[in-house]
C-alpha atoms as a PDB file:
ATOM      1  CA  UNK A   1     115.186  75.507 101.060  1.00  0.00           C
ATOM      2  CA  UNK A   2     114.362  78.651  99.020  1.00  0.00           C
ATOM      3  CA  UNK A   3     113.589  78.601  95.328  1.00  0.00           C
ATOM      4  CA  UNK A   4     113.061  81.379  92.805  1.00  0.00           C
ATOM      5  CA  UNK A   5     111.690  80.780  89.342  1.00  0.00           C
ATOM      6  CA  UNK A   6     110.150  82.910  86.587  1.00  0.00           C
ATOM      7  CA  UNK A   7     106.825  81.527  85.534  1.00  0.00           C
ATOM      8  CA  UNK A   8     106.532  80.827  81.698  1.00  0.00           C
ATOM      9  CA  UNK A   9     102.896  79.911  80.990  1.00  0.00           C
ATOM     10  CA  UNK A  10      99.570  81.139  79.942  1.00  0.00           C
ATOM     11  CA  UNK A  11      98.246  81.617  83.481  1.00  0.00           C
ATOM     12  CA  UNK A  12      96.982  79.146  86.107  1.00  0.00           C
ATOM     13  CA  UNK A  13      96.363  78.781  89.820  1.00  0.00           C
ATOM     14  CA  UNK A  14      99.525  79.109  91.823  1.00  0.00           C
ATOM     15  CA  UNK A  15      99.209  75.578  93.472  1.00  0.00           C
ATOM     16  CA  UNK A  16      98.872  74.002  90.084  1.00  0.00           C
ATOM     17  CA  UNK A  17     101.794  76.049  88.593  1.00  0.00           C
ATOM     18  CA  UNK A  18     104.007  74.905  91.482  1.00  0.00           C
ATOM     19  CA  UNK A  19     103.107  71.271  91.063  1.00  0.00           C
ATOM     20  CA  UNK A  20     103.812  71.498  87.292  1.00  0.00           C
ATOM     21  CA  UNK A  21     107.196  73.276  87.739  1.00  0.00           C
ATOM     22  CA  UNK A  22     108.390  70.891  90.440  1.00  0.00           C
ATOM     23  CA  UNK A  23     107.020  67.313  89.960  1.00  0.00           C
ATOM     24  CA  UNK A  24     107.981  66.316  93.478  1.00  0.00           C
ATOM     25  CA  UNK A  25     105.496  68.954  94.862  1.00  0.00           C
ATOM     26  CA  UNK A  26     101.909  67.887  95.005  1.00  0.00           C
ATOM     27  CA  UNK A  27      99.097  70.428  94.792  1.00  0.00           C
ATOM     28  CA  UNK A  28      98.022  69.629  98.403  1.00  0.00           C
ATOM     29  CA  UNK A  29     101.553  70.265  99.577  1.00  0.00           C
ATOM     30  CA  UNK A  30     101.686  73.440  97.533  1.00  0.00           C
ATOM     31  CA  UNK A  31      98.415  74.585  99.195  1.00  0.00           C
ATOM     32  CA  UNK A  32      99.850  73.961 102.664  1.00  0.00           C
ATOM     33  CA  UNK A  33     102.919  76.079 101.772  1.00  0.00           C
ATOM     34  CA  UNK A  34     100.811  78.858 100.496  1.00  0.00           C
ATOM     35  CA  UNK A  35      98.652  78.781 103.750  1.00  0.00           C
ATOM     36  CA  UNK A  36     101.804  78.982 105.843  1.00  0.00           C
ATOM     37  CA  UNK A  37     103.049  82.076 103.912  1.00  0.00           C
ATOM     38  CA  UNK A  38     105.892  80.258 102.304  1.00  0.00           C
ATOM     39  CA  UNK A  39     105.001  81.285  98.727  1.00  0.00           C
ATOM     40  CA  UNK A  40     105.095  84.793  97.204  1.00  0.00           C
ATOM     41  CA  UNK A  41     104.647  86.100  93.626  1.00  0.00           C
ATOM     42  CA  UNK A  42     106.559  89.215  92.646  1.00  0.00           C
ATOM     43  CA  UNK A  43     107.363  89.891  96.369  1.00  0.00           C
ATOM     44  CA  UNK A  44     103.755  89.472  97.700  1.00  0.00           C
ATOM     45  CA  UNK A  45     102.205  86.556  99.528  1.00  0.00           C
ATOM     46  CA  UNK A  46      99.262  85.151  97.690  1.00  0.00           C
ATOM     47  CA  UNK A  47      96.258  82.912  98.294  1.00  0.00           C
ATOM     48  CA  UNK A  48      95.938  79.416  96.878  1.00  0.00           C
ATOM     49  CA  UNK A  49      93.504  80.517  94.176  1.00  0.00           C
ATOM     50  CA  UNK A  50      95.842  83.296  92.837  1.00  0.00           C
ATOM     51  CA  UNK A  51      96.293  82.980  89.066  1.00  0.00           C
ATOM     52  CA  UNK A  52      99.999  83.493  88.200  1.00  0.00           C
ATOM     53  CA  UNK A  53     100.845  85.370  85.074  1.00  0.00           C
ATOM     54  CA  UNK A  54     103.534  84.911  82.461  1.00  0.00           C
ATOM     55  CA  UNK A  55     106.805  86.478  83.528  1.00  0.00           C
ATOM     56  CA  UNK A  56     105.932  86.680  87.300  1.00  0.00           C
ATOM     57  CA  UNK A  57     108.636  85.565  89.728  1.00  0.00           C
ATOM     58  CA  UNK A  58     107.555  82.852  92.058  1.00  0.00           C
ATOM     59  CA  UNK A  59     109.443  82.489  95.307  1.00  0.00           C
ATOM     60  CA  UNK A  60     108.828  79.723  97.727  1.00  0.00           C
ATOM     61  CA  UNK A  61     110.437  78.072 100.659  1.00  0.00           C
ATOM     62  CA  UNK A  62     110.168  74.336 101.401  1.00  0.00           C
ATOM     63  CA  UNK A  63     110.455  74.117 105.177  1.00  0.00           C
ATOM     64  CA  UNK A  64     112.336  71.454 106.947  1.00  0.00           C
ATOM     65  CA  UNK A  65     110.105  68.413 107.653  1.00  0.00           C
ATOM     66  CA  UNK A  66     108.470  68.265 111.011  1.00  0.00           C
ATOM     67  CA  UNK A  67     109.869  65.625 113.398  1.00  0.00           C
ATOM     68  CA  UNK A  68     108.015  62.346 113.320  1.00  0.00           C
ATOM     69  CA  UNK A  69     107.468  62.387 117.056  1.00  0.00           C
ATOM     70  CA  UNK A  70     108.669  64.314 120.106  1.00  0.00           C
ATOM     71  CA  UNK A  71     111.439  62.904 122.310  1.00  0.00           C
ATOM     72  CA  UNK A  72     111.737  63.185 126.051  1.00  0.00           C
ATOM     73  CA  UNK A  73     114.092  65.878 127.278  1.00  0.00           C
ATOM     74  CA  UNK A  74     115.199  66.718 130.795  1.00  0.00           C
ATOM     75  CA  UNK A  75     114.037  70.347 130.875  1.00  0.00           C
ATOM     76  CA  UNK A  76     112.940  71.812 134.177  1.00  0.00           C
ATOM     77  CA  UNK A  77     109.257  72.588 134.499  1.00  0.00           C
ATOM     78  CA  UNK A  78     107.400  75.004 136.841  1.00  0.00           C
ATOM     79  CA  UNK A  79     104.544  72.702 137.837  1.00  0.00           C
ATOM     80  CA  UNK A  80     101.817  74.881 139.189  1.00  0.00           C
ATOM     81  CA  UNK A  81      99.223  72.142 139.927  1.00  0.00           C
ATOM     82  CA  UNK A  82      99.133  68.388 139.412  1.00  0.00           C
ATOM     83  CA  UNK A  83      96.941  65.318 140.053  1.00  0.00           C
ATOM     84  CA  UNK A  84      96.291  62.045 138.382  1.00  0.00           C
ATOM     85  CA  UNK A  85      94.202  63.586 135.525  1.00  0.00           C
ATOM     86  CA  UNK A  86      95.988  66.809 134.616  1.00  0.00           C
ATOM     87  CA  UNK A  87      98.694  69.342 135.456  1.00  0.00           C
ATOM     88  CA  UNK A  88      99.102  72.975 134.991  1.00  0.00           C
ATOM     89  CA  UNK A  89     102.494  74.349 134.033  1.00  0.00           C
ATOM     90  CA  UNK A  90     103.704  77.952 134.416  1.00  0.00           C
ATOM     91  CA  UNK A  91     105.296  78.298 130.913  1.00  0.00           C
ATOM     92  CA  UNK A  92     108.447  80.457 130.690  1.00  0.00           C
ATOM     93  CA  UNK A  93     108.614  83.199 128.102  1.00  0.00           C
ATOM     94  CA  UNK A  94     110.515  81.966 124.996  1.00  0.00           C
ATOM     95  CA  UNK A  95     109.497  78.308 125.340  1.00  0.00           C
ATOM     96  CA  UNK A  96     107.699  76.781 122.295  1.00  0.00           C
ATOM     97  CA  UNK A  97     104.820  74.562 123.275  1.00  0.00           C
ATOM     98  CA  UNK A  98     105.298  71.649 120.875  1.00  0.00           C
ATOM     99  CA  UNK A  99     107.908  70.476 118.239  1.00  0.00           C
ATOM    100  CA  UNK A 100     107.498  71.694 114.604  1.00  0.00           C
ATOM    101  CA  UNK A 101     109.770  72.695 111.771  1.00  0.00           C
ATOM    102  CA  UNK A 102     112.363  74.992 113.131  1.00  0.00           C
ATOM    103  CA  UNK A 103     111.762  73.961 116.713  1.00  0.00           C
ATOM    104  CA  UNK A 104     112.281  70.186 116.792  1.00  0.00           C
ATOM    105  CA  UNK A 105     113.366  70.120 120.442  1.00  0.00           C
ATOM    106  CA  UNK A 106     113.580  72.099 123.635  1.00  0.00           C
ATOM    107  CA  UNK A 107     109.692  72.527 123.728  1.00  0.00           C
ATOM    108  CA  UNK A 108     107.277  72.111 126.527  1.00  0.00           C
ATOM    109  CA  UNK A 109     106.158  68.797 125.095  1.00  0.00           C
ATOM    110  CA  UNK A 110     109.728  67.433 125.115  1.00  0.00           C
ATOM    111  CA  UNK A 111     109.859  68.381 128.815  1.00  0.00           C
ATOM    112  CA  UNK A 112     106.482  66.834 129.555  1.00  0.00           C
ATOM    113  CA  UNK A 113     107.399  63.533 127.934  1.00  0.00           C
ATOM    114  CA  UNK A 114     110.456  63.288 130.234  1.00  0.00           C
ATOM    115  CA  UNK A 115     108.411  64.231 133.307  1.00  0.00           C
ATOM    116  CA  UNK A 116     105.180  62.301 132.639  1.00  0.00           C
ATOM    117  CA  UNK A 117     106.361  59.411 130.516  1.00  0.00           C
ATOM    118  CA  UNK A 118     103.512  57.835 128.599  1.00  0.00           C
ATOM    119  CA  UNK A 119     100.874  59.317 130.900  1.00  0.00           C
ATOM    120  CA  UNK A 120      99.713  62.054 128.565  1.00  0.00           C
ATOM    121  CA  UNK A 121      96.511  62.185 126.427  1.00  0.00           C
ATOM    122  CA  UNK A 122      97.050  61.139 122.779  1.00  0.00           C
ATOM    123  CA  UNK A 123      94.121  63.050 121.205  1.00  0.00           C
ATOM    124  CA  UNK A 124      96.329  65.578 119.480  1.00  0.00           C
ATOM    125  CA  UNK A 125      98.906  63.107 118.234  1.00  0.00           C
ATOM    126  CA  UNK A 126     102.532  62.271 118.893  1.00  0.00           C
ATOM    127  CA  UNK A 127     103.749  65.821 118.469  1.00  0.00           C
ATOM    128  CA  UNK A 128     101.232  67.396 120.814  1.00  0.00           C
ATOM    129  CA  UNK A 129     100.598  64.878 123.642  1.00  0.00           C
ATOM    130  CA  UNK A 130      98.488  66.283 126.471  1.00  0.00           C
ATOM    131  CA  UNK A 131      98.225  69.726 124.897  1.00  0.00           C
ATOM    132  CA  UNK A 132      94.696  71.068 125.327  1.00  0.00           C
ATOM    133  CA  UNK A 133      95.365  74.682 124.410  1.00  0.00           C
ATOM    134  CA  UNK A 134      98.422  76.642 123.425  1.00  0.00           C
ATOM    135  CA  UNK A 135     100.367  79.790 124.282  1.00  0.00           C
ATOM    136  CA  UNK A 136     102.553  81.615 121.847  1.00  0.00           C
ATOM    137  CA  UNK A 137     106.311  81.191 122.218  1.00  0.00           C
ATOM    138  CA  UNK A 138     106.885  84.587 123.931  1.00  0.00           C
ATOM    139  CA  UNK A 139     103.660  84.550 125.961  1.00  0.00           C
ATOM    140  CA  UNK A 140     104.365  83.296 129.450  1.00  0.00           C
ATOM    141  CA  UNK A 141     101.967  81.835 131.992  1.00  0.00           C
ATOM    142  CA  UNK A 142      99.590  78.998 132.784  1.00  0.00           C
ATOM    143  CA  UNK A 143      98.839  76.213 130.364  1.00  0.00           C
ATOM    144  CA  UNK A 144      96.829  73.151 131.250  1.00  0.00           C
ATOM    145  CA  UNK A 145      97.901  69.605 130.208  1.00  0.00           C
ATOM    146  CA  UNK A 146      95.769  66.440 130.156  1.00  0.00           C
ATOM    147  CA  UNK A 147      97.034  63.090 131.303  1.00  0.00           C
ATOM    148  CA  UNK A 148      94.362  60.982 129.625  1.00  0.00           C
ATOM    149  CA  UNK A 149      91.987  61.235 126.693  1.00  0.00           C
ATOM    150  CA  UNK A 150      88.883  61.488 128.896  1.00  0.00           C
ATOM    151  CA  UNK A 151      90.196  64.427 130.761  1.00  0.00           C
ATOM    152  CA  UNK A 152      91.411  66.054 127.485  1.00  0.00           C
ATOM    153  CA  UNK A 153      87.989  65.803 125.806  1.00  0.00           C
ATOM    154  CA  UNK A 154      86.132  67.251 128.899  1.00  0.00           C
ATOM    155  CA  UNK A 155      88.589  70.170 129.106  1.00  0.00           C
ATOM    156  CA  UNK A 156      88.370  70.858 125.401  1.00  0.00           C
ATOM    157  CA  UNK A 157      84.507  70.905 125.708  1.00  0.00           C
ATOM    158  CA  UNK A 158      84.729  73.312 128.584  1.00  0.00           C
ATOM    159  CA  UNK A 159      86.845  75.679 126.500  1.00  0.00           C
ATOM    160  CA  UNK A 160      84.528  75.311 123.572  1.00  0.00           C
ATOM    161  CA  UNK A 161      81.436  76.067 125.584  1.00  0.00           C
ATOM    162  CA  UNK A 162      83.134  79.065 127.283  1.00  0.00           C
ATOM    163  CA  UNK A 163      83.160  77.351 130.659  1.00  0.00           C
ATOM    164  CA  UNK A 164      86.857  77.613 131.163  1.00  0.00           C
ATOM    165  CA  UNK A 165      88.330  80.934 132.256  1.00  0.00           C
ATOM    166  CA  UNK A 166      91.579  82.139 130.587  1.00  0.00           C
ATOM    167  CA  UNK A 167      92.648  85.431 131.816  1.00  0.00           C
ATOM    168  CA  UNK A 168      95.735  87.315 130.746  1.00  0.00           C
ATOM    169  CA  UNK A 169      97.508  90.559 131.661  1.00  0.00           C
ATOM    170  CA  UNK A 170      99.324  92.787 129.156  1.00  0.00           C
ATOM    171  CA  UNK A 171     101.029  96.100 128.878  1.00  0.00           C
ATOM    172  CA  UNK A 172      99.773  97.831 125.712  1.00  0.00           C
ATOM    173  CA  UNK A 173     100.505 101.086 123.903  1.00  0.00           C
ATOM    174  CA  UNK A 174      98.291 104.089 124.569  1.00  0.00           C
ATOM    175  CA  UNK A 175      95.078 104.455 126.540  1.00  0.00           C
ATOM    176  CA  UNK A 176      91.601 102.992 125.867  1.00  0.00           C
ATOM    177  CA  UNK A 177      88.629 105.362 125.215  1.00  0.00           C
ATOM    178  CA  UNK A 178      86.658 103.312 127.712  1.00  0.00           C
ATOM    179  CA  UNK A 179      88.306 101.680 130.766  1.00  0.00           C
ATOM    180  CA  UNK A 180      86.735  98.387 130.031  1.00  0.00           C
ATOM    181  CA  UNK A 181      84.791  96.781 127.168  1.00  0.00           C
ATOM    182  CA  UNK A 182      84.344  93.842 124.728  1.00  0.00           C
ATOM    183  CA  UNK A 183      86.125  93.350 121.490  1.00  0.00           C
ATOM    184  CA  UNK A 184      83.966  91.271 119.114  1.00  0.00           C
ATOM    185  CA  UNK A 185      85.813  91.090 115.834  1.00  0.00           C
ATOM    186  CA  UNK A 186      86.324  88.092 113.622  1.00  0.00           C
ATOM    187  CA  UNK A 187      89.881  86.752 112.960  1.00  0.00           C
ATOM    188  CA  UNK A 188      91.314  84.969 109.986  1.00  0.00           C
ATOM    189  CA  UNK A 189      94.625  84.528 108.158  1.00  0.00           C
ATOM    190  CA  UNK A 190      96.075  87.813 106.890  1.00  0.00           C
ATOM    191  CA  UNK A 191      95.433  88.161 103.185  1.00  0.00           C
ATOM    192  CA  UNK A 192      98.859  89.432 102.364  1.00  0.00           C
ATOM    193  CA  UNK A 193     101.013  87.849 105.133  1.00  0.00           C
ATOM    194  CA  UNK A 194     100.075  84.284 105.696  1.00  0.00           C
ATOM    195  CA  UNK A 195     102.230  84.030 108.763  1.00  0.00           C
ATOM    196  CA  UNK A 196      99.951  86.601 110.524  1.00  0.00           C
ATOM    197  CA  UNK A 197      96.384  86.854 111.593  1.00  0.00           C
ATOM    198  CA  UNK A 198      94.082  89.845 111.222  1.00  0.00           C
ATOM    199  CA  UNK A 199      90.611  91.056 111.862  1.00  0.00           C
ATOM    200  CA  UNK A 200      88.669  90.228 108.687  1.00  0.00           C
ATOM    201  CA  UNK A 201      85.002  90.200 107.833  1.00  0.00           C
ATOM    202  CA  UNK A 202      83.880  86.592 107.432  1.00  0.00           C
ATOM    203  CA  UNK A 203      86.628  85.274 109.707  1.00  0.00           C
ATOM    204  CA  UNK A 204      86.090  83.043 112.698  1.00  0.00           C
ATOM    205  CA  UNK A 205      84.193  84.571 115.589  1.00  0.00           C
ATOM    206  CA  UNK A 206      86.557  86.084 118.178  1.00  0.00           C
ATOM    207  CA  UNK A 207      85.657  87.847 121.413  1.00  0.00           C
ATOM    208  CA  UNK A 208      88.011  89.340 124.050  1.00  0.00           C
ATOM    209  CA  UNK A 209      87.001  91.245 127.198  1.00  0.00           C
ATOM    210  CA  UNK A 210      89.329  93.909 128.637  1.00  0.00           C
ATOM    211  CA  UNK A 211      89.550  96.002 131.660  1.00  0.00           C
ATOM    212  CA  UNK A 212      92.056  98.661 132.554  1.00  0.00           C
ATOM    213  CA  UNK A 213      94.285  97.916 135.653  1.00  0.00           C
ATOM    214  CA  UNK A 214      96.380 101.083 135.589  1.00  0.00           C
ATOM    215  CA  UNK A 215      97.449 103.797 133.246  1.00  0.00           C
ATOM    216  CA  UNK A 216     100.889 105.346 132.741  1.00  0.00           C
ATOM    217  CA  UNK A 217     102.173 107.988 130.330  1.00  0.00           C
ATOM    218  CA  UNK A 218     101.685 106.360 126.904  1.00  0.00           C
ATOM    219  CA  UNK A 219     100.881 102.868 128.256  1.00  0.00           C
ATOM    220  CA  UNK A 220      98.160 100.854 129.874  1.00  0.00           C
ATOM    221  CA  UNK A 221      98.288  97.732 132.079  1.00  0.00           C
ATOM    222  CA  UNK A 222      95.261  95.717 131.122  1.00  0.00           C
ATOM    223  CA  UNK A 223      93.450  92.488 132.084  1.00  0.00           C
ATOM    224  CA  UNK A 224      92.095  90.398 129.192  1.00  0.00           C
ATOM    225  CA  UNK A 225      89.662  87.439 129.254  1.00  0.00           C
ATOM    226  CA  UNK A 226      89.251  85.216 126.313  1.00  0.00           C
ATOM    227  CA  UNK A 227      85.677  84.222 125.252  1.00  0.00           C
ATOM    228  CA  UNK A 228      87.098  82.383 122.300  1.00  0.00           C
ATOM    229  CA  UNK A 229      90.647  81.160 121.492  1.00  0.00           C
ATOM    230  CA  UNK A 230      91.822  82.103 118.032  1.00  0.00           C
ATOM    231  CA  UNK A 231      95.442  82.131 117.034  1.00  0.00           C
ATOM    232  CA  UNK A 232      97.112  85.278 118.373  1.00  0.00           C
ATOM    233  CA  UNK A 233      93.647  86.541 119.477  1.00  0.00           C
ATOM    234  CA  UNK A 234      94.764  89.055 122.086  1.00  0.00           C
ATOM    235  CA  UNK A 235      97.642  90.368 120.041  1.00  0.00           C
ATOM    236  CA  UNK A 236      95.437  90.832 116.978  1.00  0.00           C
ATOM    237  CA  UNK A 237      92.568  92.474 118.883  1.00  0.00           C
ATOM    238  CA  UNK A 238      94.891  94.877 120.735  1.00  0.00           C
ATOM    239  CA  UNK A 239      96.518  95.964 117.482  1.00  0.00           C
ATOM    240  CA  UNK A 240      93.121  96.250 115.822  1.00  0.00           C
ATOM    241  CA  UNK A 241      92.079  98.805 118.511  1.00  0.00           C
ATOM    242  CA  UNK A 242      95.325 100.698 117.887  1.00  0.00           C
ATOM    243  CA  UNK A 243      96.847  99.527 121.297  1.00  0.00           C
ATOM    244  CA  UNK A 244      99.297  96.803 120.327  1.00  0.00           C
ATOM    245  CA  UNK A 245     100.961  94.735 123.060  1.00  0.00           C
ATOM    246  CA  UNK A 246     104.344  96.282 124.129  1.00  0.00           C
ATOM    247  CA  UNK A 247     107.268  94.681 122.321  1.00  0.00           C
ATOM    248  CA  UNK A 248     105.040  92.622 119.923  1.00  0.00           C
ATOM    249  CA  UNK A 249     107.383  92.301 117.059  1.00  0.00           C
ATOM    250  CA  UNK A 250     104.711  90.907 114.694  1.00  0.00           C
ATOM    251  CA  UNK A 251     101.698  93.150 115.295  1.00  0.00           C
ATOM    252  CA  UNK A 252     103.226  96.407 116.407  1.00  0.00           C
ATOM    253  CA  UNK A 253     104.875  98.909 114.038  1.00  0.00           C
ATOM    254  CA  UNK A 254     106.667 100.587 116.939  1.00  0.00           C
ATOM    255  CA  UNK A 255     110.204  99.567 117.782  1.00  0.00           C
ATOM    256  CA  UNK A 256     110.630  97.481 120.983  1.00  0.00           C
ATOM    257  CA  UNK A 257     110.100  99.916 123.777  1.00  0.00           C
ATOM    258  CA  UNK A 258     111.772  97.949 126.558  1.00  0.00           C
ATOM    259  CA  UNK A 259     115.034  96.065 126.211  1.00  0.00           C
ATOM    260  CA  UNK A 260     114.057  93.745 129.143  1.00  0.00           C
ATOM    261  CA  UNK A 261     111.208  92.303 127.123  1.00  0.00           C
ATOM    262  CA  UNK A 262     111.965  89.946 124.152  1.00  0.00           C
ATOM    263  CA  UNK A 263     108.642  89.520 122.391  1.00  0.00           C
ATOM    264  CA  UNK A 264     105.266  90.557 123.557  1.00  0.00           C
ATOM    265  CA  UNK A 265     104.528  91.585 127.159  1.00  0.00           C
ATOM    266  CA  UNK A 266     101.680  89.197 127.636  1.00  0.00           C
ATOM    267  CA  UNK A 267     101.140  86.747 130.577  1.00  0.00           C
ATOM    268  CA  UNK A 268      98.478  84.030 131.028  1.00  0.00           C
ATOM    269  CA  UNK A 269      97.929  84.755 134.616  1.00  0.00           C
ATOM    270  CA  UNK A 270      94.784  82.963 135.648  1.00  0.00           C
ATOM    271  CA  UNK A 271      92.795  79.796 134.659  1.00  0.00           C
ATOM    272  CA  UNK A 272      89.652  78.585 136.343  1.00  0.00           C
ATOM    273  CA  UNK A 273      87.656  75.415 135.537  1.00  0.00           C
ATOM    274  CA  UNK A 274      85.510  72.665 137.086  1.00  0.00           C
ATOM    275  CA  UNK A 275      87.683  69.609 137.518  1.00  0.00           C
ATOM    276  CA  UNK A 276      86.671  66.877 135.030  1.00  0.00           C
ATOM    277  CA  UNK A 277      86.715  64.071 137.649  1.00  0.00           C
ATOM    278  CA  UNK A 278      86.190  65.634 141.222  1.00  0.00           C
ATOM    279  CA  UNK A 279      83.787  68.469 140.176  1.00  0.00           C
ATOM    280  CA  UNK A 280      85.808  70.799 142.305  1.00  0.00           C
ATOM    281  CA  UNK A 281      86.395  74.388 141.102  1.00  0.00           C
ATOM    282  CA  UNK A 282      90.095  74.891 140.343  1.00  0.00           C
ATOM    283  CA  UNK A 283      91.073  78.489 140.281  1.00  0.00           C
ATOM    284  CA  UNK A 284      94.830  79.253 139.822  1.00  0.00           C
ATOM    285  CA  UNK A 285      96.670  82.541 139.497  1.00  0.00           C
ATOM    286  CA  UNK A 286     100.423  82.922 138.830  1.00  0.00           C
ATOM    287  CA  UNK A 287     102.613  85.809 139.769  1.00  0.00           C
ATOM    288  CA  UNK A 288     103.597  88.251 137.056  1.00  0.00           C
ATOM    289  CA  UNK A 289     107.159  87.226 135.863  1.00  0.00           C
ATOM    290  CA  UNK A 290     110.182  89.368 136.347  1.00  0.00           C
ATOM    291  CA  UNK A 291     110.245  90.817 132.798  1.00  0.00           C
ATOM    292  CA  UNK A 292     106.642  92.085 133.304  1.00  0.00           C
ATOM    293  CA  UNK A 293     107.262  93.577 136.774  1.00  0.00           C
ATOM    294  CA  UNK A 294     110.510  95.247 135.445  1.00  0.00           C
ATOM    295  CA  UNK A 295     108.464  97.186 132.938  1.00  0.00           C
ATOM    296  CA  UNK A 296     105.797  98.076 135.499  1.00  0.00           C
ATOM    297  CA  UNK A 297     108.514  99.333 137.845  1.00  0.00           C
ATOM    298  CA  UNK A 298     109.957 101.572 135.130  1.00  0.00           C
ATOM    299  CA  UNK A 299     106.506 102.881 134.401  1.00  0.00           C
ATOM    300  CA  UNK A 300     105.842 103.498 138.048  1.00  0.00           C
ATOM    301  CA  UNK A 301     109.039 105.574 138.185  1.00  0.00           C
ATOM    302  CA  UNK A 302     107.769 107.682 135.277  1.00  0.00           C
ATOM    303  CA  UNK A 303     104.813 108.817 137.384  1.00  0.00           C
ATOM    304  CA  UNK A 304     107.151 110.094 140.150  1.00  0.00           C
END
């Protein structure tokens, strides 16, 4: 629910002002809204330590509450690999990973609960059972799911120690100056748009490796390997270099270039890791989905 109010006061922090104006809103809840980008002052999103001035208009949105728990739903899954400890799902483009406000159902977690029952790790709580790492809604590809807490912890440690390979492919705008390289640029919440991330000095360490697969007029097919796993990392790093992912509606200023691609053209193609129980190397690669190959075919024709 959206609210607009003109602030009438001598000036105080925005979180304190909100809790004073609306007694049902605690300062901690106000801070969470601010961090999610749900609060703006005179049309601009602000940080939680912003001092609001007399006469400024405060606009904020109280989101719908998140569901208390996820419910099982009979949604088909593309199971790429499975054993007693874990499974790997080839997530479709457009599927949200876990329930949240605005997406209470129809998510990967709802499907997993139906498929796996209660055999999922509980480390991340009732809304994210089994989820070790995440993919954005419009990023397709491989995502690993833990069936027990021991497996979950080992997999999370592998990712933290950079011993878990996560390799993506994307089509981006333009051509790189060098055909391969390393992007080492810290990422944090965008200072003016709290729903976005950005490269910001003092942010969390973020490293992405890239290598060119093929070049086309105005576009590049690129392979990207994550050394870290920050929110929207690849999309932010590509935009930072001036080569946003094709059809990225958040980080690209260009209009969607291909009607067949709703959301960023980014696919989590390969994961590789040492199995937590057997010690065997698991190395999995998924085919590029139709939306991705459709764009490549169009680009191939442009070379003819």
